[in-house]
Structures are given as structure tokens and as C-alpha cells.
Protein backbone atom coordinates (compact mmCIF):
# COMPACT_ATOMS: atom_id res chain seq x y z
CA MET A 1 19.44 2.79 57.27
CA PRO A 2 22.09 4.87 55.44
CA TRP A 3 20.78 6.87 52.51
CA GLU A 4 23.31 5.20 50.28
CA LEU A 5 21.75 1.89 50.84
CA VAL A 6 18.26 3.31 50.06
CA ILE A 7 19.67 4.73 46.84
CA TRP A 8 21.09 1.35 45.87
CA CYS A 9 17.93 -0.60 46.57
CA VAL A 10 15.79 1.81 44.56
CA SER A 11 18.19 1.68 41.70
CA VAL A 12 18.08 -2.20 41.77
CA VAL A 13 14.37 -2.23 41.80
CA LEU A 14 14.04 0.16 38.83
CA PHE A 15 16.75 -1.85 36.97
CA LEU A 16 14.83 -5.08 37.46
CA ALA A 17 11.59 -3.39 36.50
CA LEU A 18 13.20 -2.27 33.11
CA LEU A 19 14.45 -5.82 32.40
CA THR A 20 11.16 -7.35 33.05
CA GLN A 21 8.87 -4.71 31.31
CA TRP A 22 8.08 -7.10 28.59
CA TRP A 23 6.39 -9.40 31.20
CA TRP A 24 4.62 -7.05 33.50
CA GLN A 25 3.56 -4.34 31.11
CA PRO A 26 0.73 -6.44 29.26
CA ARG A 27 -0.54 -7.65 32.66
CA ALA A 28 -0.54 -4.10 34.14
CA PRO A 29 -3.85 -2.63 35.36
CA PHE A 30 -5.76 -0.38 33.01
CA TRP A 31 -4.98 2.64 35.08
CA MET A 32 -1.29 2.18 34.76
CA ARG A 33 -1.48 1.86 30.98
CA LYS A 34 -3.70 5.06 30.94
CA VAL A 35 -0.97 6.88 33.07
CA ARG A 36 1.62 5.73 30.58
CA GLU A 37 -0.37 7.23 27.61
CA SER A 38 -1.17 10.36 29.52
CA PRO A 39 0.30 13.76 28.24
CA LEU A 40 1.83 14.18 31.58
CA ARG A 41 4.33 11.42 30.91
CA TRP A 42 5.97 13.66 28.33
CA TYR A 43 6.28 16.54 30.72
CA LEU A 44 7.51 14.50 33.55
CA VAL A 45 9.57 11.83 32.02
CA GLY A 46 9.95 12.10 28.22
CA PHE A 47 11.08 15.72 28.06
CA PRO A 48 13.79 15.55 30.79
CA LEU A 49 15.19 12.37 29.27
CA THR A 50 15.28 13.98 25.79
CA VAL A 51 16.96 17.10 27.14
CA CYS A 52 19.65 15.03 28.90
CA ARG A 53 20.10 13.00 25.61
CA MET A 54 20.39 16.23 23.65
CA ARG A 55 23.23 17.70 25.98
CA PHE A 56 25.19 14.55 26.14
CA THR A 57 25.27 13.86 22.33
CA TRP A 58 25.35 17.35 21.00
CA ARG A 59 29.15 17.79 20.56
CA ARG A 60 29.70 14.31 19.13
CA LEU A 61 26.67 14.68 16.96
CA CYS A 62 27.88 18.00 15.49
CA GLN A 63 31.33 16.49 15.05
CA ASN A 64 30.07 13.42 13.09
CA CYS A 65 27.78 15.59 10.93
CA ASP A 66 30.56 18.16 10.15
CA LEU A 67 28.69 21.00 12.04
CA ALA A 68 31.54 21.52 14.47
CA VAL A 69 34.33 24.13 13.70
CA ILE A 70 37.97 23.51 14.75
CA ARG A 71 39.59 26.64 16.20
CA ARG A 72 43.40 26.86 15.59
CA PRO A 73 45.78 27.71 18.62
CA ARG A 74 46.66 31.29 19.15
CA TYR A 75 50.40 30.82 18.60
CA THR A 76 52.03 28.32 16.13
CA ALA A 77 55.64 27.97 15.03
CA VAL A 78 56.96 25.82 12.20
CA ASN A 79 60.60 25.19 12.11
CA ARG A 80 62.58 21.85 11.86
CA ASP A 81 64.79 22.62 14.90
CA VAL A 82 61.94 24.04 17.09
CA MET A 83 59.43 21.80 19.01
CA VAL A 84 56.15 23.63 19.67
CA LYS A 85 53.96 22.46 22.60
CA GLY A 86 50.34 23.60 22.41
CA THR A 87 46.74 22.59 23.17
CA PRO A 88 45.08 19.97 20.96
CA LEU A 89 42.67 20.98 18.42
CA ARG A 90 39.13 20.71 19.66
CA PRO A 91 36.02 20.91 17.57
CA ILE A 92 33.62 23.46 18.79
CA ALA A 93 29.92 22.75 18.34
CA PRO A 94 27.44 25.58 17.61
CA ARG A 95 25.93 26.95 20.71
CA LEU A 96 22.69 25.11 21.71
CA GLY A 97 19.89 27.10 23.39
CA ILE A 98 17.61 26.23 26.18
CA PRO A 99 14.95 23.80 25.01
CA ARG A 100 11.30 24.88 25.52
CA VAL A 101 8.57 22.15 26.02
CA MET A 102 5.45 22.01 24.07
CA HIS A 103 2.43 19.67 24.11
CA THR A 104 3.82 17.27 21.53
CA GLY A 105 7.54 18.09 21.58
CA PHE A 106 10.02 20.95 22.19
CA THR A 107 11.70 23.81 20.33
CA VAL A 108 15.31 24.96 20.70
CA ARG A 109 17.45 27.64 18.97
CA VAL A 110 21.01 26.97 17.78
CA HIS A 111 23.47 29.83 17.09
CA LEU A 112 25.51 29.26 13.77
CA HIS A 113 29.28 29.58 13.39
CA PRO A 114 30.22 32.16 10.81
CA GLY A 115 30.05 30.68 7.36
CA GLN A 116 27.37 28.06 8.38
CA THR A 117 23.92 28.10 6.82
CA PRO A 118 20.60 26.48 7.75
CA ALA A 119 20.86 24.00 4.85
CA GLN A 120 23.70 22.20 6.56
CA PHE A 121 21.44 21.51 9.51
CA ILE A 122 18.41 20.71 7.41
CA ALA A 123 20.49 17.88 5.66
CA CYS A 124 21.27 16.46 9.14
CA ALA A 125 17.69 16.37 10.36
CA ASP A 126 17.60 12.57 10.17
CA ALA A 127 20.68 12.30 12.33
CA PHE A 128 19.04 14.51 15.08
CA VAL A 129 15.82 12.31 14.97
CA HIS A 130 17.88 9.07 15.53
CA ALA A 131 20.25 10.48 18.09
CA TRP A 132 17.63 12.07 20.21
CA ARG A 133 14.99 9.28 19.57
CA ILE A 134 12.11 11.57 18.51
CA HIS A 135 9.57 11.17 15.85
CA SER A 136 10.39 14.15 13.62
CA ILE A 137 12.24 17.55 13.49
CA ARG A 138 11.84 20.67 11.39
CA ILE A 139 14.51 23.16 11.09
CA ILE A 140 13.73 26.67 9.96
CA SER A 141 15.62 29.90 10.00
CA THR A 142 13.66 32.92 11.53
CA LYS A 143 16.68 35.08 12.28
CA ARG A 144 20.11 35.66 10.72
CA GLY A 145 22.67 33.57 12.39
CA GLU A 146 20.19 31.12 14.03
CA VAL A 147 18.28 28.08 13.20
CA PHE A 148 15.01 27.13 15.05
CA MET A 149 14.40 23.35 15.60
CA ILE A 150 10.83 22.20 16.14
CA ALA A 151 10.91 18.60 17.36
CA THR A 152 7.96 16.35 17.66
CA ALA A 153 8.31 13.54 20.25
CA ARG A 154 5.53 11.23 18.89
CA ASP A 155 3.28 11.39 15.91
CA PRO A 156 0.30 13.39 16.75
CA LEU A 157 -1.45 12.10 13.67
CA ALA A 158 -1.36 8.46 14.73
CA ASP A 159 -4.60 6.87 15.48
CA SER A 160 -3.64 6.39 19.13
CA ALA A 161 -2.88 10.03 19.48
CA THR A 162 -5.99 11.23 17.71
CA ALA A 163 -8.56 9.32 19.68
CA ALA A 164 -9.61 12.45 21.54
CA TRP A 165 -8.78 15.55 19.55
CA ARG A 166 -9.30 18.89 21.06
CA LYS A 167 -11.88 21.04 19.39
CA PHE A 168 -10.45 24.05 17.90
CA PRO A 169 -12.73 27.15 17.33
CA ALA A 170 -12.82 28.82 13.84
CA PRO A 171 -10.70 32.00 14.17
CA ARG A 172 -13.03 34.12 11.96
CA LEU A 173 -15.43 34.02 9.12
CA MET A 174 -14.36 32.02 5.98
CA ALA A 175 -11.92 30.08 8.11
CA ALA A 176 -12.52 26.37 8.69
CA VAL A 177 -10.69 24.12 11.10
CA VAL A 178 -10.44 20.85 9.38
CA GLY A 179 -8.02 18.83 11.48
CA ARG A 180 -4.66 19.14 13.26
CA THR A 181 -1.08 19.53 11.94
CA ALA A 182 2.07 17.58 12.83
CA ASP A 183 2.90 19.78 15.74
CA GLY A 184 -0.54 19.30 17.35
CA SER A 185 -1.93 22.75 16.34
CA ALA A 186 -5.13 23.42 14.45
CA TRP A 187 -5.22 22.86 10.71
CA THR A 188 -7.02 25.79 9.30
CA MET A 189 -8.12 26.53 5.79
CA ASP A 190 -8.59 30.42 5.71
CA PHE A 191 -10.18 31.52 2.41
CA ARG A 192 -9.44 35.04 3.18
CA LYS A 193 -5.76 34.37 3.20
CA VAL A 194 -5.74 31.67 0.47
CA PRO A 195 -8.70 32.06 -1.66
CA HIS A 196 -8.61 28.80 -3.77
CA TRP A 197 -7.57 25.36 -2.97
CA LEU A 198 -6.48 22.19 -4.69
CA ILE A 199 -6.89 18.75 -3.11
CA THR A 200 -5.32 15.60 -4.80
CA GLY A 201 -4.94 12.13 -3.76
CA ALA A 202 -5.65 8.49 -4.73
CA THR A 203 -8.92 6.70 -4.05
CA GLN A 204 -9.55 6.16 -0.32
CA SER A 205 -6.72 8.55 0.67
CA GLY A 206 -8.81 10.94 2.60
CA LYS A 207 -10.16 13.56 0.08
CA SER A 208 -13.81 12.82 0.91
CA THR A 209 -13.01 13.10 4.68
CA LEU A 210 -11.44 16.37 4.20
CA LEU A 211 -14.29 17.80 2.02
CA ALA A 212 -16.77 16.53 4.76
CA ALA A 213 -14.69 18.29 7.49
CA LEU A 214 -14.47 21.52 5.35
CA LEU A 215 -18.31 21.49 4.59
CA THR A 216 -19.24 20.83 8.21
CA GLU A 217 -17.11 23.78 9.49
CA LEU A 218 -18.37 26.17 6.80
CA GLY A 219 -21.91 25.05 7.14
CA ALA A 220 -22.10 26.66 10.49
CA GLN A 221 -21.22 29.91 8.99
CA PRO A 222 -23.34 32.39 6.92
CA VAL A 223 -21.68 31.20 3.64
CA SER A 224 -23.24 30.02 0.30
CA ILE A 225 -21.90 26.64 -0.54
CA VAL A 226 -22.31 25.37 -4.11
CA GLY A 227 -21.44 21.75 -5.04
CA ILE A 228 -20.47 20.09 -8.27
CA ASP A 229 -20.28 16.42 -8.05
CA CYS A 230 -20.44 14.78 -11.57
CA LYS A 231 -20.31 11.26 -9.93
CA GLY A 232 -24.02 11.39 -9.61
CA GLY A 233 -23.78 13.45 -6.25
CA MET A 234 -22.58 10.43 -4.26
CA GLU A 235 -20.16 12.45 -2.05
CA LEU A 236 -21.68 15.88 -1.77
CA SER A 237 -25.27 14.71 -1.64
CA LEU A 238 -24.70 14.09 2.08
CA PHE A 239 -24.69 18.01 2.50
CA GLU A 240 -27.61 18.59 0.09
CA LYS A 241 -29.82 20.28 2.78
CA ARG A 242 -26.96 22.69 3.42
CA LEU A 243 -25.99 23.32 -0.20
CA VAL A 244 -27.36 26.32 -2.07
CA ALA A 245 -27.13 24.32 -5.41
CA LEU A 246 -25.79 20.94 -6.38
CA ALA A 247 -25.03 19.90 -9.95
CA THR A 248 -24.62 16.16 -10.73
CA THR A 249 -23.95 16.28 -14.46
CA ARG A 250 -21.52 18.29 -16.63
CA ALA A 251 -24.68 20.17 -18.40
CA GLU A 252 -25.94 21.16 -14.91
CA ALA A 253 -22.40 22.21 -13.90
CA ILE A 254 -22.13 24.59 -16.93
CA SER A 255 -25.49 26.17 -16.21
CA LEU A 256 -24.34 26.65 -12.57
CA LEU A 257 -20.95 28.04 -13.36
CA HIS A 258 -22.75 30.60 -15.72
CA GLU A 259 -24.93 31.66 -12.82
CA ILE A 260 -21.80 32.08 -10.67
CA VAL A 261 -20.09 34.21 -13.36
CA GLY A 262 -23.19 36.35 -13.58
CA ASP A 263 -23.21 36.81 -9.76
CA LEU A 264 -19.44 37.80 -10.06
CA GLU A 265 -20.43 40.54 -12.47
CA ARG A 266 -23.09 41.88 -10.19
CA ARG A 267 -20.55 41.99 -7.38
CA MET A 268 -18.12 43.81 -9.42
CA SER A 269 -20.68 46.48 -10.13
CA VAL A 270 -21.46 46.94 -6.31
CA CYS A 271 -17.82 47.19 -5.68
CA ARG A 272 -17.41 49.76 -8.44
CA LEU A 273 -20.39 51.94 -7.39
CA ALA A 274 -19.05 51.84 -3.72
CA GLY A 275 -15.42 52.80 -4.81
CA VAL A 276 -13.84 49.68 -3.11
CA ARG A 277 -11.64 46.88 -4.46
CA SER A 278 -12.97 43.93 -2.31
CA ILE A 279 -16.32 43.08 -0.87
CA TRP A 280 -14.58 42.97 2.56
CA GLU A 281 -14.36 46.76 2.33
CA LEU A 282 -18.09 47.10 1.99
CA PRO A 283 -20.45 47.78 5.04
CA ASP A 284 -21.81 44.77 6.68
CA GLY A 285 -25.42 45.36 5.44
CA ALA A 286 -24.27 45.84 1.76
CA ARG A 287 -21.76 42.97 1.56
CA PRO A 288 -22.86 40.00 -0.35
CA ALA A 289 -22.65 36.67 1.27
CA PRO A 290 -19.34 34.72 0.61
CA THR A 291 -19.65 31.85 -1.81
CA VAL A 292 -17.53 28.51 -1.89
CA VAL A 293 -17.76 26.30 -5.00
CA VAL A 294 -16.80 22.79 -4.18
CA VAL A 295 -15.82 20.59 -7.17
CA ASP A 296 -15.35 16.94 -6.47
CA GLU A 297 -13.56 14.85 -9.06
CA ILE A 298 -12.47 17.57 -11.45
CA ALA A 299 -11.58 15.08 -14.22
CA GLU A 300 -15.24 14.39 -14.84
CA LEU A 301 -15.55 18.04 -16.05
CA TYR A 302 -12.33 18.16 -18.14
CA LEU A 303 -12.42 14.78 -19.95
CA ALA A 304 -13.76 15.52 -23.37
CA GLY A 305 -14.07 12.06 -25.10
CA ALA A 306 -14.40 11.63 -28.79
CA GLU A 307 -17.66 13.61 -29.37
CA LEU A 308 -17.46 17.16 -30.48
CA ALA A 309 -20.13 18.17 -28.04
CA GLY A 310 -18.15 16.68 -25.09
CA ARG A 311 -15.11 18.73 -26.18
CA LYS A 312 -17.03 21.92 -26.38
CA GLU A 313 -18.55 21.38 -22.88
CA ALA A 314 -15.03 20.51 -21.38
CA VAL A 315 -13.66 23.70 -22.96
CA GLU A 316 -16.60 25.78 -21.65
CA CYS A 317 -16.17 24.24 -18.01
CA SER A 318 -12.48 25.12 -18.14
CA THR A 319 -13.03 28.63 -19.15
CA LEU A 320 -15.69 29.33 -16.71
CA LEU A 321 -13.66 27.86 -13.76
CA LEU A 322 -10.66 29.95 -14.80
CA ARG A 323 -12.80 33.13 -14.81
CA ILE A 324 -14.06 32.46 -11.26
CA ALA A 325 -10.53 31.73 -10.14
CA GLN A 326 -9.21 34.89 -11.61
CA LEU A 327 -11.93 37.23 -10.42
CA GLY A 328 -13.39 35.53 -7.39
CA ALA A 329 -10.76 36.31 -4.84
CA ALA A 330 -11.56 39.88 -4.09
CA LEU A 331 -15.27 39.39 -4.74
CA GLY A 332 -15.88 36.55 -2.16
CA VAL A 333 -16.18 33.57 -4.52
CA HIS A 334 -13.76 30.83 -3.80
CA LEU A 335 -12.89 27.48 -5.37
CA VAL A 336 -12.11 24.11 -3.78
CA ILE A 337 -11.02 21.69 -6.60
CA ALA A 338 -10.63 18.04 -5.64
CA GLY A 339 -9.47 15.12 -7.86
CA GLN A 340 -7.16 12.17 -8.06
CA ARG A 341 -4.98 13.92 -10.65
CA PHE A 342 -4.81 17.50 -11.92
CA GLY A 343 -2.40 18.46 -14.69
CA SER A 344 -2.05 19.21 -18.43
CA ASP A 345 -3.19 15.76 -19.34
CA LEU A 346 -6.71 16.64 -18.36
CA GLY A 347 -6.93 19.15 -21.38
CA PRO A 348 -6.75 22.76 -22.17
CA GLY A 349 -6.90 25.23 -19.31
CA ALA A 350 -6.04 22.84 -16.56
CA THR A 351 -2.62 24.21 -16.00
CA SER A 352 -3.77 27.85 -16.13
CA LEU A 353 -6.53 26.98 -13.51
CA ARG A 354 -3.90 25.22 -11.34
CA ALA A 355 -1.73 28.34 -11.25
CA GLN A 356 -4.66 30.20 -9.57
CA LEU A 357 -5.09 27.55 -6.83
CA GLY A 358 -2.61 28.84 -4.18
CA GLY A 359 -3.61 26.35 -1.52
CA ARG A 360 -2.27 22.84 -2.21
CA ILE A 361 -3.16 19.67 -0.22
CA CYS A 362 -1.76 16.25 -1.40
CA HIS A 363 -3.02 13.05 0.21
CA ARG A 364 -1.47 9.60 -0.63
CA VAL A 365 -0.70 9.14 -4.27
CA ASN A 366 0.13 6.41 -6.55
CA ASP A 367 2.72 8.13 -8.77
CA GLU A 368 5.25 10.81 -8.39
CA ALA A 369 3.94 13.03 -11.00
CA THR A 370 0.70 13.57 -9.02
CA ALA A 371 2.63 14.88 -5.99
CA GLU A 372 4.95 16.86 -8.32
CA MET A 373 2.21 18.77 -9.96
CA THR A 374 0.53 19.57 -6.50
CA LEU A 375 3.44 20.38 -4.42
CA GLY A 376 6.33 20.74 -6.78
CA ASP A 377 6.02 24.57 -6.91
CA LEU A 378 6.71 24.52 -3.02
CA SER A 379 9.54 22.38 -2.32
CA PRO A 380 11.07 19.08 -3.50
CA ASP A 381 11.05 17.93 0.26
CA ALA A 382 7.24 18.20 0.26
CA VAL A 383 6.97 16.00 -2.83
CA ILE A 384 9.02 13.26 -1.04
CA VAL A 385 7.00 13.48 2.25
CA ALA A 386 3.85 13.10 0.28
CA GLN A 387 5.10 10.07 -1.48
CA ALA A 388 5.99 8.54 1.90
CA ILE A 389 2.31 8.54 3.09
CA GLY A 390 1.25 4.93 3.64
CA GLU A 391 -2.03 3.14 2.85
CA THR A 392 -2.85 3.01 6.46
CA GLU A 393 -2.56 6.76 7.12
CA LYS A 394 -5.88 7.65 5.74
CA GLY A 395 -6.65 11.30 6.04
CA VAL A 396 -2.97 12.28 6.43
CA ALA A 397 -1.74 14.90 3.78
CA VAL A 398 0.94 17.48 3.10
CA THR A 399 -0.32 20.97 2.88
CA THR A 400 0.78 24.50 2.95
CA ILE A 401 0.67 26.75 5.99
CA GLY A 402 2.19 30.20 6.22
CA GLY A 403 4.34 29.58 3.19
CA GLN A 404 5.79 26.29 4.70
CA TRP A 405 4.62 22.69 4.13
CA THR A 406 3.68 20.33 6.87
CA ARG A 407 1.98 16.99 7.43
CA ALA A 408 -1.68 17.27 8.71
CA ARG A 409 -4.63 15.06 9.22
CA SER A 410 -8.41 15.89 8.72
CA ASN A 411 -11.03 15.19 11.34
CA LEU A 412 -13.19 12.05 10.66
CA ILE A 413 -16.77 12.87 9.78
CA THR A 414 -19.15 9.89 9.23
CA PRO A 415 -21.72 9.93 6.73
CA ASP A 416 -24.49 10.04 9.49
CA GLN A 417 -22.71 12.93 11.12
CA ALA A 418 -22.60 14.61 7.76
CA ARG A 419 -26.34 14.38 7.21
CA GLU A 420 -26.94 15.37 10.88
CA TYR A 421 -24.74 18.59 10.53
CA SER A 422 -26.26 19.39 7.18
CA ALA A 423 -29.84 19.34 8.51
CA ALA A 424 -28.86 21.25 11.66
CA ASN A 425 -27.13 23.94 9.71
CA ALA A 426 -29.59 24.30 6.96
CA HIS A 427 -30.85 27.60 8.39
CA CYS A 428 -27.38 29.04 8.10
CA ALA A 429 -27.52 29.19 4.24
CA PRO A 430 -27.90 32.90 3.21
CA ALA A 431 -30.14 34.24 0.48
CA SER A 432 -28.18 33.55 -2.64
CA ALA A 433 -28.38 34.96 -6.20
CA ILE A 434 -27.53 31.52 -7.54
CA PRO A 435 -30.63 29.56 -8.27
CA ALA A 436 -30.90 25.86 -7.41
CA THR A 437 -30.54 23.28 -10.19
CA GLU A 438 -33.38 20.94 -11.10
CA SER A 439 -31.64 18.05 -9.28
CA SER A 440 -31.22 20.13 -6.22
CA PRO A 441 -34.37 22.08 -5.30
CA ASP A 442 -34.53 25.13 -3.09
CA ARG A 443 -33.36 24.27 0.41
CA GLY A 444 -35.41 26.89 2.07
CA GLY A 445 -32.82 29.37 3.06
CA PRO A 446 -33.78 32.62 4.65
CA GLU A 447 -34.89 35.25 2.35
């Protein structure tokens, strides 16, 4: 049989299979559906097709988006009695590099024409997404005269893609892997790089899930974890066996914050006597254990009410938290502030505290002002992306990584798993200078 006939038969079979895909795909065996969802499908089929689509559409795409440059002919003559024959003007697209495949997409470099800026390509990001039929694309500039495109073929934060996440190990002490980012890499909260964090989001948007993932990862490290949960301890009580102290009322929180400030002063004395500027410069034996203060629902501490005593307590909480934020970075005391809203409407000192919280995480919000006060310092694009998070995307947030914003999703930790991890890691709590509150008796950490 001639090879031409074989090729024609195979082409007809593939064409018929494509036309009838709606009929046979639901009836396909389970192993065929599993092969379709396998990562190898992207490497063997998806990536080659996307590269071909890029190459065939690149010139026309750049022309439609005004990214191509028209080069004039070398010789031109203008005269009413002279007819000049020349080559037609042809738009020249920027030079496209060689795409490099990744687990969830690909990367490619584009060399800019003189006079072009990365902002022109960032404005055309949606056009690239639709033309190449990918999920999303990020465009950054890492070198003068070039832009770097990071494309994601499918959403790695979707439920189908996160059914079996890879387990990422923590890179070092005080770094917690709490989930994964939009490019499939580990989402790490590193307190030695970013000492204090602000987490905002509406009810049932994923704040509690993120806090559970954070406490689970930090609980396996020799770190003192202090909790303040003025909602009666409903959230942080799941980790009560691992916490050094837990305050469930504003009065208990004030007492606990005073003890933390006292511990800060003792750490300053140790660093001063040793002639260092940070506890990380101390020898291992003389270094005090790092402390992480987790505050759930910050509004319960700041809302004063009509009573004079309540206003005094709110001002005292604000002052103590601000002192911890200003002094704690070099002394190994870190803040994690969570709440539905956080801004000047909470009361005096809220804006000053927010300025000290360099790490920003914004889940789904109900109004633009919440996203603006959380991510407005970074980029207007981050605010728009945070507002686009839907109700079905629980745990998805916009966060800061390496000075850039990205979408990320935290690992799901169930209440039973939280209690199990808390009991299993209770022995990891180091000896702390912070006494346990009355509602949270001593957990029996090693002395």
C-alpha cells in the first residue's frame, strides 16, 4: 500500500474522531480519561501545538497590536515626473525567542525594537492569551531591550489541578510553604525576608485555611507561636496544644502583648551586650527562639465602642502592636495580622501598623476599598486581579513574592488534621519567656 494512502487514511480517522469527540469522550474508559489529564499530555501534545500557534500568529498578532515596526525602503525619490519602483512596506515584528517548556506552561523571550517599552506588551497580554489559547501570561522585564513572557497553559489553582499537590519542603527556619502559586511553584512565607504579614478577605474566602496551613508548617519548627483570637478562640483553638499562649479576649490580649514587649526588651539587651544588630548574628546556643504572633480578626482589638474603657483598651492594643512591628523584625518577633478589613476606619494607629506589614495577602473581597488598602501600594493590576476572585475560588489570593504580585492558593487543612498536627508537634514548642494566659494553660513545652 502506498504511503500516501496510509497518511490519507490516518488523517480521515483523526478528523472523524475530532468531529465525534462529544459522543465518545464521555463513554471512554477511565484509563483514557486519566491519560488525557496526565501532565505528559501537555509535553507531548499541548506544548507543540501552542508553539506552532505562536509561530503562525506572531507576525499578524504584533501587527494588530501595534507592536510591529514598518521599515522604510533604502532609496526613495519624490518627483511628479519620476515613477519610483520599490519594495512594499512590510511590518517587522519583534524577534521571538525559543520557547522553553515548564510543568504548567512555557517561557519565551522577546527582543524589543528601539523605542519600544515593556508597558506596550503588558497592555496586549489579553491578546496573547486569546490568540495562543492559554490560561494566563505574565510579562516582566529582566534585561534591557527584552521582555520575558511566562505563560500558564491551564490554571494550576483549579480544583482538578490541585487534587494531588506536590509536597514542597520548607527551605529554611522561619519559612513556611503554605500552598502553590499560579506558575505551579511553592508559595512560601519567609519571615526572615518579610518579617510581618497582613491577610485580608471576606468571610469564607480562605483566611482560616491559610492560617491553618501556616501554623501547621511553623508548628513543626522550633518556633514559639502566640495566638490572639478574640472570637472566643474558635479558629486558633484548633492549635491550642502547639501554641505557647492563646488570648481569647481583649483584656487577655493586652496582658499578652505587654509580655511580648517585655521579651523584646530582654532580646535587645542580649543583642546589645553581644554587639550585634540581630538575633540571627548570635551563636546558636545564645539565640532566643523566634516568636510568631498570630492575630485573627484584628477588628475585635481595634473597635472601641462608646465606653471610655473600651477606647483606652483599643488605643493600648494599637500602641503595643505598633511597637512589636517596629522592633520585632531584627529581634525575631513577627506579626501575622488577619481580618476582613484593615484601614484607618478601625481607629488610630491602624494606618501606622499597616505601613509596617510588608507582606500582603488579599483573598476574595466584597468591596474595592479592601483590596486597595491591602494591595494598592504594590500595583493597580493587583487590585483588579483580587477583585476578580470568584466565590468558588476559596483559598485563592493575590500575594507578593519577590517584589511582584501573583495569584496563589493555600493548602487545605481540615479541622481534624489541624488538631492532629497540633498534638503531634506539641513537643516542638521551645521554652518561652512568654507565660501562658489563664484560658490557655501551659502546654508542657521542653524546659
